[in-house]
N, C-alpha and C. Protein backbone atom coordinates (compact mmCIF):
# COMPACT_ATOMS: atom_id res chain seq x y z
N UNK A 1 60.80 -6.35 -72.22
CA UNK A 1 60.26 -6.98 -71.09
C UNK A 1 58.78 -6.42 -71.33
N UNK A 2 57.75 -7.40 -71.09
CA UNK A 2 56.61 -7.47 -70.90
C UNK A 2 56.17 -7.19 -69.58
N UNK A 3 55.35 -5.94 -69.23
CA UNK A 3 54.59 -5.57 -68.00
C UNK A 3 53.08 -6.72 -68.01
N UNK A 4 53.09 -6.96 -67.11
CA UNK A 4 51.63 -8.12 -66.82
C UNK A 4 50.91 -6.91 -65.88
N UNK A 5 50.25 -6.45 -66.28
CA UNK A 5 49.23 -5.56 -65.57
C UNK A 5 47.75 -6.76 -64.72
N UNK A 6 47.86 -6.76 -63.25
CA UNK A 6 46.78 -7.47 -62.78
C UNK A 6 45.64 -6.67 -61.57
N UNK A 7 45.92 -5.44 -62.04
CA UNK A 7 45.00 -4.02 -61.46
C UNK A 7 43.62 -4.83 -61.64
N UNK A 8 43.15 -5.18 -63.12
CA UNK A 8 41.94 -5.46 -63.07
C UNK A 8 40.91 -6.38 -62.51
N UNK A 9 42.00 -8.29 -62.10
CA UNK A 9 41.44 -8.66 -61.32
C UNK A 9 40.78 -8.06 -59.54
N UNK A 10 41.77 -7.34 -59.36
CA UNK A 10 41.67 -7.01 -57.84
C UNK A 10 40.68 -5.63 -57.68
N UNK A 11 40.65 -4.87 -58.60
CA UNK A 11 39.27 -4.12 -58.80
C UNK A 11 37.49 -4.91 -58.56
N UNK A 12 38.17 -6.42 -59.46
CA UNK A 12 36.47 -7.16 -59.29
C UNK A 12 36.72 -7.92 -57.68
N UNK A 13 37.25 -7.94 -56.89
CA UNK A 13 37.36 -8.91 -55.52
C UNK A 13 37.24 -7.72 -54.57
N UNK A 14 37.24 -6.78 -54.51
CA UNK A 14 36.90 -5.61 -53.52
C UNK A 14 35.80 -5.47 -52.95
N UNK A 15 34.74 -5.98 -53.67
CA UNK A 15 33.06 -5.88 -53.41
C UNK A 15 32.93 -7.12 -52.87
N UNK A 16 33.75 -8.50 -53.06
CA UNK A 16 33.38 -9.65 -52.14
C UNK A 16 33.47 -9.21 -50.85
N UNK A 17 35.09 -8.45 -50.26
CA UNK A 17 35.92 -8.83 -49.16
C UNK A 17 34.78 -7.57 -48.36
N UNK A 18 33.86 -6.83 -49.06
CA UNK A 18 33.36 -5.78 -48.57
C UNK A 18 32.29 -6.36 -47.83
N UNK A 19 31.44 -7.20 -48.74
CA UNK A 19 29.99 -8.15 -48.38
C UNK A 19 30.29 -8.93 -47.31
N UNK A 20 31.40 -9.55 -47.77
CA UNK A 20 31.90 -10.56 -46.36
C UNK A 20 31.82 -9.68 -44.94
N UNK A 21 32.53 -8.64 -44.68
CA UNK A 21 32.76 -8.01 -43.51
C UNK A 21 31.95 -7.33 -43.47
N UNK A 22 30.83 -7.14 -43.98
CA UNK A 22 29.07 -6.82 -43.84
C UNK A 22 28.45 -7.94 -42.88
N UNK A 23 28.95 -8.64 -43.46
CA UNK A 23 28.12 -9.98 -43.22
C UNK A 23 28.73 -10.56 -41.38
N UNK A 24 29.98 -10.58 -41.31
CA UNK A 24 30.65 -10.52 -40.29
C UNK A 24 30.14 -9.37 -39.23
N UNK A 25 30.22 -8.35 -39.81
CA UNK A 25 29.43 -7.39 -38.56
C UNK A 25 27.68 -7.27 -38.39
N UNK A 26 27.14 -8.14 -39.19
CA UNK A 26 25.85 -8.30 -39.02
C UNK A 26 25.86 -9.12 -37.71
N UNK A 27 26.62 -10.60 -37.81
CA UNK A 27 26.60 -11.48 -37.30
C UNK A 27 26.74 -10.71 -35.49
N UNK A 28 27.73 -10.68 -35.46
CA UNK A 28 28.19 -9.91 -34.19
C UNK A 28 27.50 -8.72 -33.68
N UNK A 29 26.76 -7.97 -34.42
CA UNK A 29 25.45 -7.28 -33.75
C UNK A 29 24.23 -8.63 -33.03
N UNK A 30 23.89 -9.20 -34.23
CA UNK A 30 23.29 -10.11 -33.56
C UNK A 30 23.25 -10.67 -32.39
N UNK A 31 24.48 -11.21 -32.06
CA UNK A 31 24.67 -12.01 -30.89
C UNK A 31 25.15 -10.72 -30.01
N UNK A 32 25.51 -9.93 -29.80
CA UNK A 32 25.83 -8.46 -29.28
C UNK A 32 24.16 -8.22 -28.14
N UNK A 33 23.30 -8.22 -29.31
CA UNK A 33 22.01 -7.68 -29.36
C UNK A 33 21.42 -9.04 -28.15
N UNK A 34 21.84 -10.14 -28.38
CA UNK A 34 21.22 -11.01 -27.93
C UNK A 34 21.61 -11.33 -26.32
N UNK A 35 22.75 -11.17 -26.24
CA UNK A 35 23.68 -10.78 -25.06
C UNK A 35 23.10 -9.58 -23.93
N UNK A 36 22.62 -8.36 -24.60
CA UNK A 36 22.02 -7.87 -24.02
C UNK A 36 20.76 -8.10 -23.43
N UNK A 37 19.80 -8.61 -24.39
CA UNK A 37 18.63 -9.07 -23.88
C UNK A 37 18.58 -10.04 -23.58
N UNK A 38 19.66 -11.09 -22.75
CA UNK A 38 19.44 -11.98 -21.90
C UNK A 38 19.92 -11.56 -20.40
N UNK A 39 20.43 -10.47 -20.83
CA UNK A 39 21.05 -9.44 -19.15
C UNK A 39 19.76 -8.46 -18.86
N UNK A 40 19.04 -8.44 -19.68
CA UNK A 40 18.14 -7.32 -19.28
C UNK A 40 17.11 -8.47 -18.47
N UNK A 41 16.65 -9.57 -18.87
CA UNK A 41 15.76 -10.65 -18.72
C UNK A 41 16.59 -11.00 -16.95
N UNK A 42 17.57 -11.57 -17.11
CA UNK A 42 18.15 -11.42 -15.92
C UNK A 42 18.21 -10.65 -15.02
N UNK A 43 18.34 -9.79 -15.21
CA UNK A 43 17.95 -8.03 -13.80
C UNK A 43 16.45 -8.58 -13.70
N UNK A 44 15.98 -8.46 -14.70
CA UNK A 44 14.30 -8.54 -14.33
C UNK A 44 13.82 -9.09 -13.44
N UNK A 45 14.49 -10.68 -14.08
CA UNK A 45 14.06 -11.74 -12.49
C UNK A 45 14.91 -11.57 -11.62
N UNK A 46 16.09 -10.95 -11.21
CA UNK A 46 16.32 -10.55 -9.87
C UNK A 46 15.39 -9.50 -8.92
N UNK A 47 15.15 -8.84 -9.87
CA UNK A 47 14.69 -7.78 -9.32
C UNK A 47 13.28 -7.95 -9.10
N UNK A 48 12.13 -8.98 -9.64
CA UNK A 48 11.47 -9.74 -9.17
C UNK A 48 10.69 -10.56 -8.31
N UNK A 49 12.49 -11.35 -7.70
CA UNK A 49 12.82 -11.87 -7.13
C UNK A 49 12.79 -10.87 -5.36
N UNK A 50 13.62 -10.13 -5.49
CA UNK A 50 13.84 -9.10 -4.56
C UNK A 50 12.28 -8.55 -4.46
N UNK A 51 11.66 -8.11 -5.11
CA UNK A 51 10.53 -7.63 -4.79
C UNK A 51 9.28 -8.43 -3.87
N UNK A 52 9.69 -9.93 -3.95
CA UNK A 52 8.54 -11.24 -3.85
C UNK A 52 9.37 -11.01 -2.36
N UNK A 53 10.38 -11.25 -1.93
CA UNK A 53 11.56 -11.30 -1.14
C UNK A 53 10.79 -9.97 0.09
N UNK A 54 11.00 -8.96 -0.41
CA UNK A 54 10.48 -8.33 0.43
C UNK A 54 8.93 -8.00 0.69
N UNK A 55 7.66 -8.38 -0.14
CA UNK A 55 6.43 -8.57 0.29
C UNK A 55 6.15 -9.81 1.19
N UNK A 56 7.05 -10.73 1.45
CA UNK A 56 6.69 -11.88 2.03
C UNK A 56 7.30 -11.28 3.55
N UNK A 57 8.63 -10.80 3.45
CA UNK A 57 8.99 -10.52 4.95
C UNK A 57 8.12 -9.29 5.16
N UNK A 58 7.80 -8.68 4.42
CA UNK A 58 6.61 -7.39 5.34
C UNK A 58 5.20 -8.13 6.33
N UNK A 59 4.59 -9.31 4.84
CA UNK A 59 3.46 -10.02 5.48
C UNK A 59 4.04 -10.50 7.17
N UNK A 60 4.98 -11.26 6.81
CA UNK A 60 5.67 -11.99 8.01
C UNK A 60 5.52 -11.21 9.24
N UNK A 61 6.46 -9.67 8.96
CA UNK A 61 6.35 -8.83 9.86
C UNK A 61 4.91 -8.33 10.51
N UNK A 62 3.93 -8.24 9.85
CA UNK A 62 2.64 -7.36 10.19
C UNK A 62 2.12 -8.65 11.16
N UNK A 63 2.23 -9.59 10.72
CA UNK A 63 1.35 -10.66 11.31
C UNK A 63 2.54 -10.48 12.71
N UNK A 64 3.50 -10.72 12.67
CA UNK A 64 4.09 -10.84 14.40
C UNK A 64 3.58 -9.28 14.80
N UNK A 65 3.21 -8.57 14.46
CA UNK A 65 2.91 -7.09 14.83
C UNK A 65 1.83 -7.08 15.17
N UNK A 66 0.78 -7.84 15.11
CA UNK A 66 -0.64 -7.96 15.44
C UNK A 66 -1.19 -9.46 16.02
N UNK A 67 -0.45 -10.42 15.78
CA UNK A 67 -0.88 -11.20 16.71
C UNK A 67 -0.54 -11.49 18.13
N UNK A 68 -1.31 -10.55 18.47
CA UNK A 68 -1.12 -10.47 19.86
C UNK A 68 -2.27 -10.71 20.89
N UNK A 69 -2.70 -10.40 21.94
CA UNK A 69 -4.12 -10.69 23.02
C UNK A 69 -4.77 -9.17 23.13
N UNK A 70 -4.45 -8.26 22.76
CA UNK A 70 -4.49 -7.16 22.33
C UNK A 70 -5.68 -7.13 21.40
N UNK A 71 -5.14 -7.60 20.32
CA UNK A 71 -6.30 -7.66 18.78
C UNK A 71 -7.07 -8.59 18.89
N UNK A 72 -6.79 -9.52 19.43
CA UNK A 72 -7.25 -10.95 19.42
C UNK A 72 -8.61 -11.27 20.44
N UNK A 73 -8.69 -9.55 21.46
CA UNK A 73 -9.82 -9.59 22.48
C UNK A 73 -10.52 -8.55 21.69
N UNK A 74 -9.73 -7.65 21.07
CA UNK A 74 -10.93 -6.61 20.26
C UNK A 74 -11.80 -7.30 19.08
N UNK A 75 -11.31 -8.43 18.71
CA UNK A 75 -11.84 -8.84 17.61
C UNK A 75 -12.95 -9.39 18.61
N UNK A 76 -12.83 -10.78 19.47
CA UNK A 76 -14.16 -11.29 20.13
C UNK A 76 -14.78 -9.92 20.35
N UNK A 77 -14.93 -8.61 21.22
CA UNK A 77 -15.49 -8.06 21.53
C UNK A 77 -16.31 -7.27 20.44
N UNK A 78 -16.18 -7.24 19.50
CA UNK A 78 -16.63 -6.66 18.09
C UNK A 78 -17.41 -7.48 17.63
N UNK A 79 -18.92 -7.13 17.76
CA UNK A 79 -20.18 -8.04 17.64
C UNK A 79 -20.94 -7.09 16.30
N UNK A 80 -21.21 -7.85 15.64
CA UNK A 80 -21.77 -9.50 15.07
C UNK A 80 -20.72 -10.25 14.51
N UNK A 81 -19.57 -9.07 13.77
CA UNK A 81 -18.75 -10.02 12.77
C UNK A 81 -17.55 -10.31 13.60
N UNK A 82 -17.21 -10.07 14.24
CA UNK A 82 -15.73 -11.00 15.43
C UNK A 82 -14.97 -10.62 14.48
N UNK A 83 -14.64 -9.60 13.94
CA UNK A 83 -13.34 -10.11 13.06
C UNK A 83 -13.05 -8.08 13.20
N UNK A 84 -12.06 -8.01 13.24
CA UNK A 84 -11.69 -6.12 12.85
C UNK A 84 -10.70 -5.91 12.26
N UNK A 85 -10.26 -4.87 11.71
CA UNK A 85 -9.35 -4.25 10.73
C UNK A 85 -8.29 -3.58 11.50
N UNK A 86 -6.85 -4.30 11.98
CA UNK A 86 -5.96 -3.42 12.42
C UNK A 86 -5.73 -1.52 12.12
N UNK A 87 -5.68 -0.98 13.13
CA UNK A 87 -5.55 0.40 12.44
C UNK A 87 -4.28 0.48 11.99
N UNK A 88 -4.52 1.05 10.64
CA UNK A 88 -3.36 1.86 10.11
C UNK A 88 -1.91 2.45 11.08
N UNK A 89 -2.87 2.99 11.66
CA UNK A 89 -1.49 3.73 12.50
C UNK A 89 -0.50 2.79 12.91
N UNK A 90 -1.17 1.93 13.14
CA UNK A 90 0.10 0.26 13.89
C UNK A 90 0.47 -0.27 12.99
N UNK A 91 0.29 -0.18 12.00
CA UNK A 91 1.02 -0.97 10.91
C UNK A 91 1.31 0.37 9.81
N UNK A 92 2.25 1.21 9.76
CA UNK A 92 3.08 2.27 9.29
C UNK A 92 3.51 1.82 8.04
N UNK A 93 3.36 2.77 6.95
CA UNK A 93 4.32 2.14 5.32
C UNK A 93 5.12 2.33 5.76
N UNK A 94 6.44 1.21 4.89
CA UNK A 94 7.72 1.17 5.71
C UNK A 94 8.30 0.97 3.87
N UNK A 95 9.50 2.06 3.76
CA UNK A 95 10.35 2.40 2.45
C UNK A 95 11.08 1.12 2.26
N UNK A 96 11.19 0.61 1.22
CA UNK A 96 11.72 -0.88 0.98
C UNK A 96 12.33 -0.68 -0.80
N UNK A 97 13.54 -0.58 -1.10
CA UNK A 97 13.85 -0.58 -2.29
C UNK A 97 13.25 0.73 -2.98
N UNK A 98 13.33 2.04 -2.49
CA UNK A 98 12.84 3.14 -3.51
C UNK A 98 11.43 2.84 -3.33
N UNK A 99 11.01 1.69 -2.70
CA UNK A 99 9.43 1.96 -2.91
C UNK A 99 8.93 1.79 -1.54
N UNK A 100 7.12 1.56 -1.28
CA UNK A 100 6.28 2.01 -0.38
C UNK A 100 5.99 0.37 -0.18
N UNK A 101 5.71 0.07 0.79
CA UNK A 101 5.65 -1.43 1.79
C UNK A 101 4.53 -1.07 2.36
N UNK A 102 2.87 -1.48 1.91
CA UNK A 102 2.08 -1.07 2.90
C UNK A 102 1.34 -2.24 3.40
N UNK A 103 0.94 -2.53 4.01
CA UNK A 103 0.40 -3.94 5.00
C UNK A 103 -0.92 -3.50 5.38
N UNK A 104 -1.65 -4.35 5.39
CA UNK A 104 -3.14 -3.98 6.26
C UNK A 104 -3.62 -5.47 6.41
N UNK A 105 -3.96 -5.66 8.13
CA UNK A 105 -3.87 -7.10 8.74
C UNK A 105 -5.47 -7.07 9.09
N UNK A 106 -6.24 -8.18 8.97
CA UNK A 106 -7.55 -8.16 9.79
C UNK A 106 -7.12 -9.43 10.75
N UNK A 107 -7.90 -9.56 12.00
CA UNK A 107 -8.44 -10.44 13.07
C UNK A 107 -9.50 -10.64 13.50
N UNK A 108 -9.55 -12.27 13.04
CA UNK A 108 -11.01 -12.88 13.01
C UNK A 108 -10.88 -13.78 13.79
N UNK A 109 -12.33 -13.46 14.92
CA UNK A 109 -12.61 -14.85 15.70
C UNK A 109 -13.11 -16.11 15.32
N UNK A 110 -12.58 -16.98 14.96
CA UNK A 110 -13.75 -18.36 14.49
C UNK A 110 -14.17 -19.09 15.42
N UNK A 111 -14.15 -19.44 16.73
CA UNK A 111 -14.91 -19.27 18.04
C UNK A 111 -14.54 -21.00 18.53
N UNK A 112 -14.78 -21.04 19.69
CA UNK A 112 -13.84 -22.36 20.70
C UNK A 112 -14.04 -24.02 20.11
N UNK A 113 -12.89 -24.22 20.05
CA UNK A 113 -13.07 -25.77 19.93
C UNK A 113 -12.02 -26.09 20.61
N UNK A 114 -11.68 -27.59 20.28
CA UNK A 114 -11.26 -28.49 21.19
C UNK A 114 -9.85 -27.67 21.23
N UNK A 115 -8.94 -28.22 22.37
CA UNK A 115 -7.62 -27.32 22.16
C UNK A 115 -6.56 -28.71 21.89
N UNK A 116 -5.09 -28.19 21.65
CA UNK A 116 -4.34 -29.68 20.88
C UNK A 116 -3.73 -29.63 22.07
N UNK A 117 -3.57 -30.74 22.37
CA UNK A 117 -2.77 -31.82 23.60
C UNK A 117 -2.84 -30.79 24.96
N UNK A 118 -4.10 -31.44 25.36
CA UNK A 118 -4.62 -30.76 26.51
C UNK A 118 -4.50 -31.35 27.68
N UNK A 119 -4.09 -32.67 27.78
CA UNK A 119 -3.36 -33.67 29.24
C UNK A 119 -1.85 -33.30 29.18
N UNK A 120 -1.27 -32.68 28.43
CA UNK A 120 0.47 -31.90 28.49
C UNK A 120 0.14 -30.74 29.08
N UNK A 121 0.81 -30.74 30.36
CA UNK A 121 1.63 -29.74 31.21
C UNK A 121 0.26 -28.76 31.55
N UNK A 122 -0.76 -29.54 31.86
CA UNK A 122 -1.80 -28.88 32.56
C UNK A 122 -1.93 -28.48 33.67
N UNK A 123 -2.50 -27.32 34.44
CA UNK A 123 -2.09 -27.24 35.96
C UNK A 123 -3.50 -27.76 36.12
N UNK A 124 -4.17 -27.79 37.74
CA UNK A 124 -5.30 -28.36 38.23
C UNK A 124 -6.10 -27.42 38.46
N UNK A 125 -6.01 -25.97 38.14
CA UNK A 125 -6.92 -25.81 37.69
C UNK A 125 -7.33 -25.25 36.35
N UNK A 126 -7.21 -25.86 35.37
CA UNK A 126 -8.13 -25.87 34.21
C UNK A 126 -8.22 -27.70 33.94
N UNK A 127 -8.16 -28.31 35.14
CA UNK A 127 -8.78 -30.03 35.35
C UNK A 127 -10.51 -29.92 35.12
N UNK A 128 -10.59 -31.29 33.97
CA UNK A 128 -11.98 -30.94 33.92
C UNK A 128 -12.93 -30.91 34.65
N UNK A 129 -12.50 -31.40 36.25
CA UNK A 129 -13.42 -31.12 37.18
C UNK A 129 -13.41 -29.47 37.75
N UNK A 130 -12.66 -28.38 37.32
CA UNK A 130 -12.41 -27.08 37.80
C UNK A 130 -13.43 -26.62 36.39
N UNK A 131 -13.91 -27.56 35.45
CA UNK A 131 -14.44 -26.96 34.09
C UNK A 131 -13.43 -26.85 33.19
N UNK A 132 -11.94 -27.07 32.86
CA UNK A 132 -11.60 -27.64 32.03
C UNK A 132 -10.81 -26.27 31.32
N UNK A 133 -10.49 -26.70 30.09
CA UNK A 133 -10.20 -25.65 29.03
C UNK A 133 -11.24 -25.81 27.65
N UNK A 134 -11.41 -24.33 26.96
CA UNK A 134 -11.24 -24.21 25.93
C UNK A 134 -10.51 -23.85 25.14
N UNK A 135 -10.42 -23.79 23.96
CA UNK A 135 -9.42 -22.88 22.74
C UNK A 135 -10.01 -21.85 22.19
N UNK A 136 -9.66 -20.77 21.97
CA UNK A 136 -10.42 -19.65 21.27
C UNK A 136 -9.36 -19.51 20.03
N UNK A 137 -10.30 -19.61 19.04
CA UNK A 137 -8.79 -19.88 17.73
C UNK A 137 -9.41 -18.65 16.62
N UNK A 138 -8.21 -18.13 16.02
CA UNK A 138 -8.32 -16.41 15.55
C UNK A 138 -7.84 -17.05 14.06
N UNK A 139 -7.69 -16.13 13.41
CA UNK A 139 -7.31 -16.34 12.22
C UNK A 139 -6.43 -15.09 11.84
N UNK A 140 -5.46 -14.74 11.49
CA UNK A 140 -5.29 -13.48 11.29
C UNK A 140 -4.33 -13.13 9.99
N UNK A 141 -4.75 -12.24 8.91
CA UNK A 141 -4.75 -11.97 7.62
C UNK A 141 -3.79 -10.77 7.62
N UNK A 142 -2.81 -10.79 6.83
CA UNK A 142 -2.26 -10.22 6.26
C UNK A 142 -1.75 -10.16 4.70
N UNK A 143 -2.34 -8.45 4.28
CA UNK A 143 -2.15 -8.39 2.98
C UNK A 143 -0.72 -7.21 2.88
N UNK A 144 -0.06 -7.57 1.99
CA UNK A 144 1.00 -6.54 2.02
C UNK A 144 1.35 -6.29 -0.03
N UNK A 145 1.23 -5.08 -0.06
CA UNK A 145 1.67 -5.05 -1.61
C UNK A 145 3.11 -4.05 -1.52
N UNK A 146 3.70 -4.08 -2.37
CA UNK A 146 4.95 -3.04 -2.97
C UNK A 146 4.95 -2.14 -3.75
N UNK A 147 4.45 -0.76 -3.64
CA UNK A 147 3.87 -0.03 -4.68
C UNK A 147 4.88 0.61 -5.90
N UNK A 148 4.43 0.71 -7.22
CA UNK A 148 5.37 0.28 -7.89
C UNK A 148 5.35 -0.78 -8.83
N UNK A 149 5.36 -1.75 -8.55
CA UNK A 149 5.34 -2.94 -8.90
C UNK A 149 4.01 -3.96 -8.49
N UNK A 150 3.82 -4.79 -9.42
CA UNK A 150 3.07 -5.89 -8.99
C UNK A 150 3.06 -7.26 -8.03
N UNK A 151 3.88 -7.26 -6.32
CA UNK A 151 4.39 -7.42 -5.80
C UNK A 151 3.61 -7.66 -4.98
N UNK A 152 2.76 -8.55 -4.61
CA UNK A 152 1.61 -8.82 -3.08
C UNK A 152 1.81 -9.93 -2.29
N UNK A 153 1.64 -10.22 -1.49
CA UNK A 153 1.53 -11.27 -0.58
C UNK A 153 0.35 -11.10 0.60
N UNK A 154 -0.12 -12.65 1.03
CA UNK A 154 -1.23 -12.66 1.54
C UNK A 154 -0.63 -13.89 2.32
N UNK A 155 -0.71 -13.43 3.85
CA UNK A 155 -0.64 -14.85 4.75
C UNK A 155 -1.44 -15.05 5.50
N UNK A 156 -1.65 -16.08 6.29
CA UNK A 156 -2.46 -16.19 7.44
C UNK A 156 -1.93 -17.01 8.10
N UNK A 157 -2.33 -16.49 9.53
CA UNK A 157 -1.77 -17.07 10.64
C UNK A 157 -2.36 -17.42 11.59
N UNK A 158 -2.61 -19.21 11.73
CA UNK A 158 -4.01 -19.27 13.11
C UNK A 158 -3.24 -19.15 14.48
N UNK A 159 -4.33 -18.59 15.12
CA UNK A 159 -3.97 -18.18 16.83
C UNK A 159 -4.64 -19.11 17.19
N UNK A 160 -3.97 -19.46 18.77
CA UNK A 160 -5.18 -20.41 19.59
C UNK A 160 -4.69 -19.62 20.71
N UNK A 161 -5.60 -19.43 21.60
CA UNK A 161 -5.84 -18.65 23.07
C UNK A 161 -6.40 -19.87 23.92
N UNK A 162 -5.92 -20.25 25.23
CA UNK A 162 -6.75 -20.99 26.08
C UNK A 162 -7.65 -20.00 26.50
N UNK A 163 -8.77 -20.74 27.34
CA UNK A 163 -9.38 -19.66 28.32
C UNK A 163 -10.78 -20.95 28.58
N UNK A 164 -10.98 -20.33 29.91
CA UNK A 164 -11.83 -21.62 31.04
C UNK A 164 -13.28 -21.96 30.26
N UNK A 165 -13.01 -22.93 30.38
CA UNK A 165 -14.66 -23.81 29.36
C UNK A 165 -15.65 -24.01 29.68
N UNK A 166 -15.87 -23.49 31.60
CA UNK A 166 -17.21 -23.09 31.95
C UNK A 166 -18.51 -22.87 31.07
N UNK A 167 -19.29 -23.10 30.71
CA UNK A 167 -20.61 -23.04 30.32
C UNK A 167 -20.35 -22.60 28.45
N UNK A 168 -18.91 -23.46 28.30
CA UNK A 168 -18.85 -23.11 26.56
C UNK A 168 -18.74 -24.81 25.90
N UNK A 169 -19.11 -24.53 24.29
CA UNK A 169 -19.88 -25.83 24.27
C UNK A 169 -18.36 -25.46 22.79
N UNK A 170 -17.82 -26.92 22.58
CA UNK A 170 -16.61 -26.60 21.62
C UNK A 170 -17.24 -27.11 19.97
N UNK A 171 -17.17 -26.61 19.29
CA UNK A 171 -17.11 -27.30 17.71
C UNK A 171 -15.83 -28.12 17.16
N UNK A 172 -16.11 -28.73 16.16
CA UNK A 172 -15.02 -29.54 15.47
C UNK A 172 -14.35 -28.74 14.67
């Protein structure tokens, strides 16, 4: 009986299997790294969206705190600039998402102008015979930033106050 020895052909093929295994592992590594990178980008997008929402809400909150008669009266009385910066004590920094949300607000008097819808719901004390009314226009500007990020927001709110129109000239 003759024994055939096939050991030599098996030795030649073991290197090819190793190369294919390395190629498959390399492809899986590339796919895994791509998935991690995509997940990281998604996390950054979510974080930026959260920071944008925080500064938006902070600016709106600052406008709500300061768009009142007290600050508008101070702005009119502040000559010659007719603008005031709201004190930082009235707008304390707030902690949000492990960062500090800081707001700054200015109130500027823009002058007298014609009032919108003056004929609807006006009492007789503001009728043209009594002198009518004029409107004082103000701009309330809020700037908000979140420390540690590039998130910033600037919001402007227009405020109209009715005032007696005696001896007042309105501009357009």
